[in-house]
Amino acid sequence: MLPVNLAAVDAAHLVRILVPPHAPLLVDCGALPCQRTQGVCFLVSQLLILRQRGASVRLCNASLTLQRCLHTLQLDSVFPTVD
């Protein structure tokens, strides 16, 4: 798995520079200030961009709020969490 900091790189730019087949991406949600400054919806949109472009994404340190949002949107199986 390739660790990714979505606070430092734009999701759309990231998928443009990745060469298929993509390595699974590990996103540390605990270190993303965008959840507090831009909201969980912004983070989910970035994750969807990665997924739309063919990246396999796993989340670690996902807050309970993010987990609930993903579950409500039925995206919890699309973006599994790891510990």
Protein backbone atom coordinates (compact mmCIF):
# COMPACT_ATOMS: atom_id res chain seq x y z
CA MET A 1 0.00 0.00 0.00
CA LEU A 2 1.10 3.51 -0.79
CA PRO A 3 0.48 6.08 1.98
CA VAL A 4 -1.20 9.23 0.68
CA ASN A 5 -1.60 12.62 2.34
CA LEU A 6 -4.64 14.26 0.74
CA ALA A 7 -3.80 17.47 2.60
CA ALA A 8 -0.59 17.76 0.56
CA VAL A 9 -1.70 16.53 -2.87
CA ASP A 10 -4.87 17.04 -4.90
CA ALA A 11 -6.69 13.76 -5.62
CA ALA A 12 -7.16 14.56 -9.31
CA HIS A 13 -3.45 15.33 -9.70
CA LEU A 14 -2.49 12.18 -7.83
CA VAL A 15 -4.42 9.88 -10.14
CA ARG A 16 -2.92 11.60 -13.19
CA ILE A 17 0.61 10.76 -12.05
CA LEU A 18 -0.11 7.18 -10.96
CA VAL A 19 0.71 4.56 -13.54
CA PRO A 20 -1.73 1.65 -13.89
CA PRO A 21 -2.00 -0.78 -12.27
CA HIS A 22 -2.38 1.44 -9.25
CA ALA A 23 -0.98 0.34 -5.92
CA PRO A 24 -3.64 0.39 -3.20
CA LEU A 25 -3.65 3.80 -1.52
CA LEU A 26 -3.72 4.16 2.26
CA VAL A 27 -5.21 7.48 3.39
CA ASP A 28 -4.56 8.51 7.00
CA CYS A 29 -7.77 10.38 7.80
CA GLY A 30 -6.55 11.37 11.26
CA ALA A 31 -3.94 13.68 9.76
CA LEU A 32 -6.25 15.54 7.36
CA PRO A 33 -7.12 19.08 8.43
CA CYS A 34 -9.57 19.36 5.51
CA GLN A 35 -12.13 17.40 7.58
CA ARG A 36 -12.33 20.34 9.97
CA THR A 37 -11.73 23.20 7.53
CA GLN A 38 -13.60 22.01 4.43
CA GLY A 39 -15.81 19.29 5.87
CA VAL A 40 -16.26 15.58 5.53
CA CYS A 41 -18.05 16.03 2.19
CA PHE A 42 -14.90 17.52 0.68
CA LEU A 43 -12.89 14.51 1.85
CA VAL A 44 -15.49 12.10 0.47
CA SER A 45 -15.42 13.92 -2.88
CA GLN A 46 -11.62 13.57 -3.01
CA LEU A 47 -11.92 9.86 -2.22
CA LEU A 48 -14.53 9.46 -4.97
CA ILE A 49 -12.21 11.15 -7.47
CA LEU A 50 -9.50 8.64 -6.61
CA ARG A 51 -11.94 5.75 -6.91
CA GLN A 52 -13.41 7.04 -10.19
CA ARG A 53 -9.94 7.09 -11.73
CA GLY A 54 -9.33 3.46 -10.77
CA ALA A 55 -7.46 3.77 -7.49
CA SER A 56 -8.11 1.30 -4.70
CA VAL A 57 -8.42 3.30 -1.46
CA ARG A 58 -8.27 2.15 2.14
CA LEU A 59 -8.69 4.46 5.11
CA CYS A 60 -6.98 4.45 8.47
CA ASN A 61 -7.74 6.58 11.53
CA ALA A 62 -11.20 7.40 10.18
CA SER A 63 -13.26 9.36 12.69
CA LEU A 64 -16.63 8.08 13.83
CA THR A 65 -18.25 10.97 11.92
CA LEU A 66 -16.51 9.98 8.69
CA GLN A 67 -17.43 6.33 9.20
CA ARG A 68 -21.08 7.29 9.75
CA CYS A 69 -21.11 9.48 6.63
CA LEU A 70 -19.60 6.71 4.53
CA HIS A 71 -22.14 4.25 5.91
CA THR A 72 -25.05 6.63 5.25
CA LEU A 73 -23.84 7.16 1.68
CA GLN A 74 -23.36 3.39 1.32
CA LEU A 75 -19.68 3.95 0.62
CA ASP A 76 -18.29 2.06 3.61
CA SER A 77 -17.71 -1.02 1.45
CA VAL A 78 -16.08 1.09 -1.28
CA PHE A 79 -13.66 2.73 1.18
CA PRO A 80 -12.83 0.08 3.80
CA THR A 81 -11.06 1.08 6.99
CA VAL A 82 -7.96 -0.61 8.32
CA ASP A 83 -6.40 -0.41 11.76
